[in-house]
């Protein structure tokens, strides 16, 4: 299949008060494009009963060049590359009227849908998806965030049924939504790059404790912990 192309309309859910796409909106259309590409390759949500396998998302990395506006049609080109038969990098280019507005990478592992044990990525799977070696970012994404000492808990959230995905875990976009509760609106609205790293799934009725810090490069970082503060669920970084 190689490069898969689809289109998404910017809808009300995707925008902020400025009528431009929010970070939530970017993740929504990226998630849709990834799911549609997998469906095209025969490994989508509707193929679970046949394949007994699924993809687990490890991280997002998004760089925004220009935010599309309400009602814009966004063209998404996406492709996969595979490494060491263990994980896949799915990359994205987003366009409005042939103008590149954003790029993104995501990292996934292939697992058994019932046991969640990692499955080997074999040649047949790679052939179904196709493979492109085009890289969008100069530097490899590295997650090296550590919990600073003496951070104050700023917000707690107990997950609800509305937050769950088809795997009965909290959807990946909700991690960003929770973090947004303690990030200044002007930071999220004007951000040019953000990442979300998934450390541990969040379940229904889990209580999440949120902490915020700023790193040496002036990036805002939110850490999502469990109530006891001994399990890190996610790290969100906003630039």
C-alpha atoms as a PDB file:
ATOM      1  CA  UNK A   1       0.000   0.000   0.000  1.00  0.00           C
ATOM      2  CA  UNK A   2       2.867   2.427   0.744  1.00  0.00           C
ATOM      3  CA  UNK A   3       1.479   5.937   1.225  1.00  0.00           C
ATOM      4  CA  UNK A   4      -2.192   6.029   2.219  1.00  0.00           C
ATOM      5  CA  UNK A   5      -4.143   9.241   1.574  1.00  0.00           C
ATOM      6  CA  UNK A   6      -7.405  10.331   3.148  1.00  0.00           C
ATOM      7  CA  UNK A   7      -9.280  13.563   3.845  1.00  0.00           C
ATOM      8  CA  UNK A   8     -10.847  14.922   7.039  1.00  0.00           C
ATOM      9  CA  UNK A   9     -13.072  17.956   7.503  1.00  0.00           C
ATOM     10  CA  UNK A  10     -12.335  20.272  10.440  1.00  0.00           C
ATOM     11  CA  UNK A  11     -15.484  19.987  12.557  1.00  0.00           C
ATOM     12  CA  UNK A  12     -16.731  21.788  15.672  1.00  0.00           C
ATOM     13  CA  UNK A  13     -15.094  19.210  17.980  1.00  0.00           C
ATOM     14  CA  UNK A  14     -11.697  20.040  16.459  1.00  0.00           C
ATOM     15  CA  UNK A  15     -11.557  23.793  17.052  1.00  0.00           C
ATOM     16  CA  UNK A  16     -11.007  26.265  19.860  1.00  0.00           C
ATOM     17  CA  UNK A  17     -12.614  29.639  20.482  1.00  0.00           C
ATOM     18  CA  UNK A  18     -10.452  31.110  17.696  1.00  0.00           C
ATOM     19  CA  UNK A  19     -12.134  28.710  15.227  1.00  0.00           C
ATOM     20  CA  UNK A  20      -8.764  27.103  14.471  1.00  0.00           C
ATOM     21  CA  UNK A  21      -7.809  23.493  15.013  1.00  0.00           C
ATOM     22  CA  UNK A  22      -6.843  22.602  18.578  1.00  0.00           C
ATOM     23  CA  UNK A  23      -4.228  20.041  19.556  1.00  0.00           C
ATOM     24  CA  UNK A  24      -7.124  17.715  20.365  1.00  0.00           C
ATOM     25  CA  UNK A  25      -8.350  18.190  16.790  1.00  0.00           C
ATOM     26  CA  UNK A  26      -4.964  17.269  15.343  1.00  0.00           C
ATOM     27  CA  UNK A  27      -4.909  14.026  17.322  1.00  0.00           C
ATOM     28  CA  UNK A  28      -8.469  13.202  16.274  1.00  0.00           C
ATOM     29  CA  UNK A  29      -7.747  13.365  12.552  1.00  0.00           C
ATOM     30  CA  UNK A  30      -4.386  11.612  12.966  1.00  0.00           C
ATOM     31  CA  UNK A  31      -6.070   8.797  14.869  1.00  0.00           C
ATOM     32  CA  UNK A  32      -8.739   8.482  12.167  1.00  0.00           C
ATOM     33  CA  UNK A  33      -6.119   8.369   9.410  1.00  0.00           C
ATOM     34  CA  UNK A  34      -4.104   5.699  11.240  1.00  0.00           C
ATOM     35  CA  UNK A  35      -7.205   3.558  11.775  1.00  0.00           C
ATOM     36  CA  UNK A  36      -8.260   3.881   8.138  1.00  0.00           C
ATOM     37  CA  UNK A  37      -4.769   2.954   6.909  1.00  0.00           C
ATOM     38  CA  UNK A  38      -4.844  -0.189   9.059  1.00  0.00           C
ATOM     39  CA  UNK A  39      -8.309  -1.071   7.780  1.00  0.00           C
ATOM     40  CA  UNK A  40      -7.035  -0.721   4.215  1.00  0.00           C
ATOM     41  CA  UNK A  41      -4.199  -3.119   5.099  1.00  0.00           C
ATOM     42  CA  UNK A  42      -6.605  -5.695   6.564  1.00  0.00           C
ATOM     43  CA  UNK A  43      -5.660  -5.055  10.198  1.00  0.00           C
ATOM     44  CA  UNK A  44      -8.260  -2.532  11.303  1.00  0.00           C
ATOM     45  CA  UNK A  45     -10.809  -2.522  14.110  1.00  0.00           C
ATOM     46  CA  UNK A  46     -13.261  -4.590  12.072  1.00  0.00           C
ATOM     47  CA  UNK A  47     -10.607  -7.253  11.434  1.00  0.00           C
ATOM     48  CA  UNK A  48      -9.952  -8.166  15.098  1.00  0.00           C
ATOM     49  CA  UNK A  49     -11.961 -11.395  14.977  1.00  0.00           C
ATOM     50  CA  UNK A  50      -9.897 -12.533  12.006  1.00  0.00           C
ATOM     51  CA  UNK A  51      -6.391 -11.399  12.997  1.00  0.00           C
ATOM     52  CA  UNK A  52      -6.643 -11.569  16.814  1.00  0.00           C
ATOM     53  CA  UNK A  53      -4.056  -8.800  16.856  1.00  0.00           C
ATOM     54  CA  UNK A  54      -4.041  -5.057  17.318  1.00  0.00           C
ATOM     55  CA  UNK A  55      -1.703  -2.078  17.579  1.00  0.00           C
ATOM     56  CA  UNK A  56      -0.839  -0.362  20.864  1.00  0.00           C
ATOM     57  CA  UNK A  57       0.161   3.301  20.629  1.00  0.00           C
ATOM     58  CA  UNK A  58       3.352   4.346  22.431  1.00  0.00           C
ATOM     59  CA  UNK A  59       3.628   8.016  21.511  1.00  0.00           C
ATOM     60  CA  UNK A  60       2.623  10.936  19.317  1.00  0.00           C
ATOM     61  CA  UNK A  61       4.890  13.717  18.106  1.00  0.00           C
ATOM     62  CA  UNK A  62       3.248  16.593  16.216  1.00  0.00           C
ATOM     63  CA  UNK A  63       4.796  19.714  14.666  1.00  0.00           C
ATOM     64  CA  UNK A  64       2.353  22.432  13.628  1.00  0.00           C
ATOM     65  CA  UNK A  65       3.241  24.820  10.804  1.00  0.00           C
ATOM     66  CA  UNK A  66      -0.212  26.376  10.437  1.00  0.00           C
ATOM     67  CA  UNK A  67      -3.521  25.633  12.137  1.00  0.00           C
ATOM     68  CA  UNK A  68      -6.420  24.898   9.775  1.00  0.00           C
ATOM     69  CA  UNK A  69      -9.743  26.615  10.367  1.00  0.00           C
ATOM     70  CA  UNK A  70     -13.283  25.426  10.837  1.00  0.00           C
ATOM     71  CA  UNK A  71     -14.682  23.706   7.726  1.00  0.00           C
ATOM     72  CA  UNK A  72     -11.262  23.316   6.066  1.00  0.00           C
ATOM     73  CA  UNK A  73     -10.605  20.017   4.315  1.00  0.00           C
ATOM     74  CA  UNK A  74      -7.335  18.464   5.483  1.00  0.00           C
ATOM     75  CA  UNK A  75      -5.556  15.958   3.241  1.00  0.00           C
ATOM     76  CA  UNK A  76      -3.520  13.434   5.231  1.00  0.00           C
ATOM     77  CA  UNK A  77      -0.723  11.359   3.723  1.00  0.00           C
ATOM     78  CA  UNK A  78       0.435   8.585   6.028  1.00  0.00           C
ATOM     79  CA  UNK A  79       2.885   5.708   5.764  1.00  0.00           C
ATOM     80  CA  UNK A  80       4.607   3.143   7.957  1.00  0.00           C
ATOM     81  CA  UNK A  81       8.161   2.014   8.499  1.00  0.00           C
ATOM     82  CA  UNK A  82       9.157  -0.991  10.586  1.00  0.00           C
ATOM     83  CA  UNK A  83      12.115  -1.584  12.884  1.00  0.00           C
ATOM     84  CA  UNK A  84      13.635  -4.801  14.199  1.00  0.00           C
ATOM     85  CA  UNK A  85      10.341  -6.683  13.739  1.00  0.00           C
ATOM     86  CA  UNK A  86       9.181  -5.126  17.029  1.00  0.00           C
ATOM     87  CA  UNK A  87       7.573  -1.749  16.392  1.00  0.00           C
ATOM     88  CA  UNK A  88       6.300   0.508  13.651  1.00  0.00           C
ATOM     89  CA  UNK A  89       6.690   4.236  13.078  1.00  0.00           C
ATOM     90  CA  UNK A  90       3.663   5.759  11.338  1.00  0.00           C
ATOM     91  CA  UNK A  91       4.319   9.175   9.817  1.00  0.00           C
ATOM     92  CA  UNK A  92       1.912  11.838   8.605  1.00  0.00           C
ATOM     93  CA  UNK A  93       1.910  14.930   6.409  1.00  0.00           C
ATOM     94  CA  UNK A  94      -1.134  17.206   6.610  1.00  0.00           C
ATOM     95  CA  UNK A  95      -2.115  19.610   3.830  1.00  0.00           C
ATOM     96  CA  UNK A  96      -4.791  22.238   3.211  1.00  0.00           C
ATOM     97  CA  UNK A  97      -5.056  23.353  -0.427  1.00  0.00           C
ATOM     98  CA  UNK A  98      -1.651  21.794  -1.156  1.00  0.00           C
ATOM     99  CA  UNK A  99       0.003  23.769   1.683  1.00  0.00           C
ATOM    100  CA  UNK A 100       1.834  21.645   4.258  1.00  0.00           C
ATOM    101  CA  UNK A 101       0.365  22.564   7.658  1.00  0.00           C
ATOM    102  CA  UNK A 102       1.726  19.865   9.993  1.00  0.00           C
ATOM    103  CA  UNK A 103       3.873  16.765  10.270  1.00  0.00           C
ATOM    104  CA  UNK A 104       3.656  13.968  12.801  1.00  0.00           C
ATOM    105  CA  UNK A 105       5.166  10.671  13.870  1.00  0.00           C
ATOM    106  CA  UNK A 106       3.699   7.944  16.028  1.00  0.00           C
ATOM    107  CA  UNK A 107       5.164   4.739  17.430  1.00  0.00           C
ATOM    108  CA  UNK A 108       3.224   1.473  17.739  1.00  0.00           C
ATOM    109  CA  UNK A 109       3.753  -2.105  18.895  1.00  0.00           C
ATOM    110  CA  UNK A 110       1.871  -5.079  17.463  1.00  0.00           C
ATOM    111  CA  UNK A 111       0.206  -7.225  20.124  1.00  0.00           C
ATOM    112  CA  UNK A 112      -2.132 -10.152  20.657  1.00  0.00           C
ATOM    113  CA  UNK A 113      -5.589  -8.635  21.141  1.00  0.00           C
ATOM    114  CA  UNK A 114      -6.437 -11.024  24.001  1.00  0.00           C
ATOM    115  CA  UNK A 115      -3.182 -11.412  25.954  1.00  0.00           C
ATOM    116  CA  UNK A 116      -1.551  -8.069  24.973  1.00  0.00           C
ATOM    117  CA  UNK A 117       1.705  -9.959  24.455  1.00  0.00           C
ATOM    118  CA  UNK A 118       3.933  -8.443  21.778  1.00  0.00           C
ATOM    119  CA  UNK A 119       3.692 -10.193  18.403  1.00  0.00           C
ATOM    120  CA  UNK A 120       6.489 -10.312  15.853  1.00  0.00           C
ATOM    121  CA  UNK A 121       6.049  -8.078  12.817  1.00  0.00           C
ATOM    122  CA  UNK A 122       6.598 -10.536   9.961  1.00  0.00           C
ATOM    123  CA  UNK A 123       7.155 -10.050   6.248  1.00  0.00           C
ATOM    124  CA  UNK A 124       3.496 -10.687   5.393  1.00  0.00           C
ATOM    125  CA  UNK A 125       2.350  -7.894   7.705  1.00  0.00           C
ATOM    126  CA  UNK A 126       4.909  -5.492   6.249  1.00  0.00           C
ATOM    127  CA  UNK A 127       3.771  -6.447   2.728  1.00  0.00           C
ATOM    128  CA  UNK A 128       0.140  -5.688   3.655  1.00  0.00           C
ATOM    129  CA  UNK A 129       1.042  -2.206   4.843  1.00  0.00           C
ATOM    130  CA  UNK A 130       3.897  -1.429   2.510  1.00  0.00           C
ATOM    131  CA  UNK A 131       6.929   0.404   3.804  1.00  0.00           C
ATOM    132  CA  UNK A 132       8.323   3.896   3.251  1.00  0.00           C
ATOM    133  CA  UNK A 133      11.635   5.101   4.648  1.00  0.00           C
ATOM    134  CA  UNK A 134      10.869   8.817   4.380  1.00  0.00           C
ATOM    135  CA  UNK A 135      11.687  10.608   7.655  1.00  0.00           C
ATOM    136  CA  UNK A 136      10.036  13.854   8.713  1.00  0.00           C
ATOM    137  CA  UNK A 137      12.076  14.791  11.778  1.00  0.00           C
ATOM    138  CA  UNK A 138      15.833  15.331  11.851  1.00  0.00           C
ATOM    139  CA  UNK A 139      16.257  13.890  15.347  1.00  0.00           C
ATOM    140  CA  UNK A 140      14.807  10.667  16.696  1.00  0.00           C
ATOM    141  CA  UNK A 141      12.167  11.151  19.355  1.00  0.00           C
ATOM    142  CA  UNK A 142      13.456  10.275  22.820  1.00  0.00           C
ATOM    143  CA  UNK A 143      11.444  10.165  26.013  1.00  0.00           C
ATOM    144  CA  UNK A 144      13.752  11.137  28.864  1.00  0.00           C
ATOM    145  CA  UNK A 145      11.360  12.986  31.139  1.00  0.00           C
ATOM    146  CA  UNK A 146      11.874  12.315  34.834  1.00  0.00           C
ATOM    147  CA  UNK A 147       9.598  13.260  37.692  1.00  0.00           C
ATOM    148  CA  UNK A 148      11.020  16.394  39.361  1.00  0.00           C
ATOM    149  CA  UNK A 149      10.965  16.457  43.137  1.00  0.00           C
ATOM    150  CA  UNK A 150       8.476  18.404  45.281  1.00  0.00           C
ATOM    151  CA  UNK A 151       5.890  18.960  42.552  1.00  0.00           C
ATOM    152  CA  UNK A 152       2.438  19.967  43.723  1.00  0.00           C
ATOM    153  CA  UNK A 153      -0.616  18.071  42.561  1.00  0.00           C
ATOM    154  CA  UNK A 154      -2.647  20.556  40.515  1.00  0.00           C
ATOM    155  CA  UNK A 155      -5.647  18.541  39.380  1.00  0.00           C
ATOM    156  CA  UNK A 156      -7.293  15.151  39.785  1.00  0.00           C
ATOM    157  CA  UNK A 157      -9.654  13.459  37.374  1.00  0.00           C
ATOM    158  CA  UNK A 158     -11.623  10.232  37.684  1.00  0.00           C
ATOM    159  CA  UNK A 159     -12.235   8.659  34.307  1.00  0.00           C
ATOM    160  CA  UNK A 160     -15.734   8.104  32.949  1.00  0.00           C
ATOM    161  CA  UNK A 161     -17.399   5.787  30.443  1.00  0.00           C
ATOM    162  CA  UNK A 162     -17.247   8.521  27.803  1.00  0.00           C
ATOM    163  CA  UNK A 163     -13.428   8.373  27.933  1.00  0.00           C
ATOM    164  CA  UNK A 164     -13.147   4.713  26.903  1.00  0.00           C
ATOM    165  CA  UNK A 165     -12.206   3.270  23.528  1.00  0.00           C
ATOM    166  CA  UNK A 166     -13.049  -0.077  21.936  1.00  0.00           C
ATOM    167  CA  UNK A 167     -10.410  -1.777  24.108  1.00  0.00           C
ATOM    168  CA  UNK A 168     -12.165  -0.508  27.262  1.00  0.00           C
ATOM    169  CA  UNK A 169      -9.197   1.696  28.127  1.00  0.00           C
ATOM    170  CA  UNK A 170      -9.090   5.478  28.139  1.00  0.00           C
ATOM    171  CA  UNK A 171      -8.657   6.722  24.563  1.00  0.00           C
ATOM    172  CA  UNK A 172      -5.253   8.181  23.745  1.00  0.00           C
ATOM    173  CA  UNK A 173      -6.683  11.647  23.022  1.00  0.00           C
ATOM    174  CA  UNK A 174      -8.113  11.869  26.550  1.00  0.00           C
ATOM    175  CA  UNK A 175      -4.565  11.887  27.984  1.00  0.00           C
ATOM    176  CA  UNK A 176      -4.064  15.219  26.208  1.00  0.00           C
ATOM    177  CA  UNK A 177      -7.492  16.479  27.294  1.00  0.00           C
ATOM    178  CA  UNK A 178      -6.700  15.776  30.952  1.00  0.00           C
ATOM    179  CA  UNK A 179      -3.355  17.564  30.665  1.00  0.00           C
ATOM    180  CA  UNK A 180      -5.017  20.587  29.070  1.00  0.00           C
ATOM    181  CA  UNK A 181      -6.890  21.235  32.322  1.00  0.00           C
ATOM    182  CA  UNK A 182      -3.693  22.576  33.896  1.00  0.00           C
ATOM    183  CA  UNK A 183      -2.055  24.210  30.850  1.00  0.00           C
ATOM    184  CA  UNK A 184      -2.669  27.887  30.124  1.00  0.00           C
ATOM    185  CA  UNK A 185      -4.935  28.403  27.116  1.00  0.00           C
ATOM    186  CA  UNK A 186      -2.459  30.726  25.413  1.00  0.00           C
ATOM    187  CA  UNK A 187       0.170  27.977  25.530  1.00  0.00           C
ATOM    188  CA  UNK A 188      -2.036  25.333  23.941  1.00  0.00           C
ATOM    189  CA  UNK A 189      -3.501  27.758  21.392  1.00  0.00           C
ATOM    190  CA  UNK A 190      -0.117  29.028  20.224  1.00  0.00           C
ATOM    191  CA  UNK A 191       1.906  25.829  20.559  1.00  0.00           C
ATOM    192  CA  UNK A 192       3.948  24.750  17.560  1.00  0.00           C
ATOM    193  CA  UNK A 193       4.916  21.261  18.697  1.00  0.00           C
ATOM    194  CA  UNK A 194       3.616  18.744  21.197  1.00  0.00           C
ATOM    195  CA  UNK A 195       4.111  15.131  22.150  1.00  0.00           C
ATOM    196  CA  UNK A 196       2.207  12.543  24.164  1.00  0.00           C
ATOM    197  CA  UNK A 197       3.957   9.496  25.605  1.00  0.00           C
ATOM    198  CA  UNK A 198       1.857   6.592  26.866  1.00  0.00           C
ATOM    199  CA  UNK A 199       3.453   4.728  29.770  1.00  0.00           C
ATOM    200  CA  UNK A 200       0.533   2.734  31.170  1.00  0.00           C
ATOM    201  CA  UNK A 201      -3.076   2.366  30.120  1.00  0.00           C
ATOM    202  CA  UNK A 202      -5.787   4.109  32.155  1.00  0.00           C
ATOM    203  CA  UNK A 203      -8.973   2.234  33.013  1.00  0.00           C
ATOM    204  CA  UNK A 204     -12.539   3.199  33.860  1.00  0.00           C
ATOM    205  CA  UNK A 205     -12.910   4.972  37.231  1.00  0.00           C
ATOM    206  CA  UNK A 206      -9.141   5.373  37.659  1.00  0.00           C
ATOM    207  CA  UNK A 207      -8.226   8.601  39.457  1.00  0.00           C
ATOM    208  CA  UNK A 208      -5.447  10.506  37.720  1.00  0.00           C
ATOM    209  CA  UNK A 209      -3.217  13.015  39.513  1.00  0.00           C
ATOM    210  CA  UNK A 210      -1.733  15.787  37.360  1.00  0.00           C
ATOM    211  CA  UNK A 211       1.567  17.596  37.870  1.00  0.00           C
ATOM    212  CA  UNK A 212       3.138  20.348  35.787  1.00  0.00           C
ATOM    213  CA  UNK A 213       6.688  21.548  35.287  1.00  0.00           C
ATOM    214  CA  UNK A 214       8.742  23.529  32.781  1.00  0.00           C
ATOM    215  CA  UNK A 215      12.000  22.146  31.379  1.00  0.00           C
ATOM    216  CA  UNK A 216      15.255  23.911  30.506  1.00  0.00           C
ATOM    217  CA  UNK A 217      13.934  24.658  26.991  1.00  0.00           C
ATOM    218  CA  UNK A 218      10.777  26.320  28.351  1.00  0.00           C
ATOM    219  CA  UNK A 219       8.563  23.414  27.300  1.00  0.00           C
ATOM    220  CA  UNK A 220       5.500  22.825  29.470  1.00  0.00           C
ATOM    221  CA  UNK A 221       5.387  19.235  30.718  1.00  0.00           C
ATOM    222  CA  UNK A 222       2.415  17.526  32.369  1.00  0.00           C
ATOM    223  CA  UNK A 223       2.796  14.182  34.111  1.00  0.00           C
ATOM    224  CA  UNK A 224      -0.216  11.949  34.673  1.00  0.00           C
ATOM    225  CA  UNK A 225       0.143   9.649  37.686  1.00  0.00           C
ATOM    226  CA  UNK A 226      -2.202   7.327  39.503  1.00  0.00           C
ATOM    227  CA  UNK A 227      -3.652   8.448  42.817  1.00  0.00           C
ATOM    228  CA  UNK A 228      -0.862   6.769  44.806  1.00  0.00           C
ATOM    229  CA  UNK A 229       1.780   8.450  42.623  1.00  0.00           C
ATOM    230  CA  UNK A 230       3.626   5.166  41.992  1.00  0.00           C
ATOM    231  CA  UNK A 231       2.499   4.578  38.378  1.00  0.00           C
ATOM    232  CA  UNK A 232       3.233   7.082  35.599  1.00  0.00           C
ATOM    233  CA  UNK A 233       0.505   6.829  32.955  1.00  0.00           C
ATOM    234  CA  UNK A 234       1.532   9.536  30.510  1.00  0.00           C
ATOM    235  CA  UNK A 235       3.785  12.499  29.733  1.00  0.00           C
ATOM    236  CA  UNK A 236       2.547  15.443  27.670  1.00  0.00           C
ATOM    237  CA  UNK A 237       5.005  18.069  26.418  1.00  0.00           C
ATOM    238  CA  UNK A 238       3.918  21.332  24.812  1.00  0.00           C
ATOM    239  CA  UNK A 239       6.260  23.710  22.979  1.00  0.00           C
END
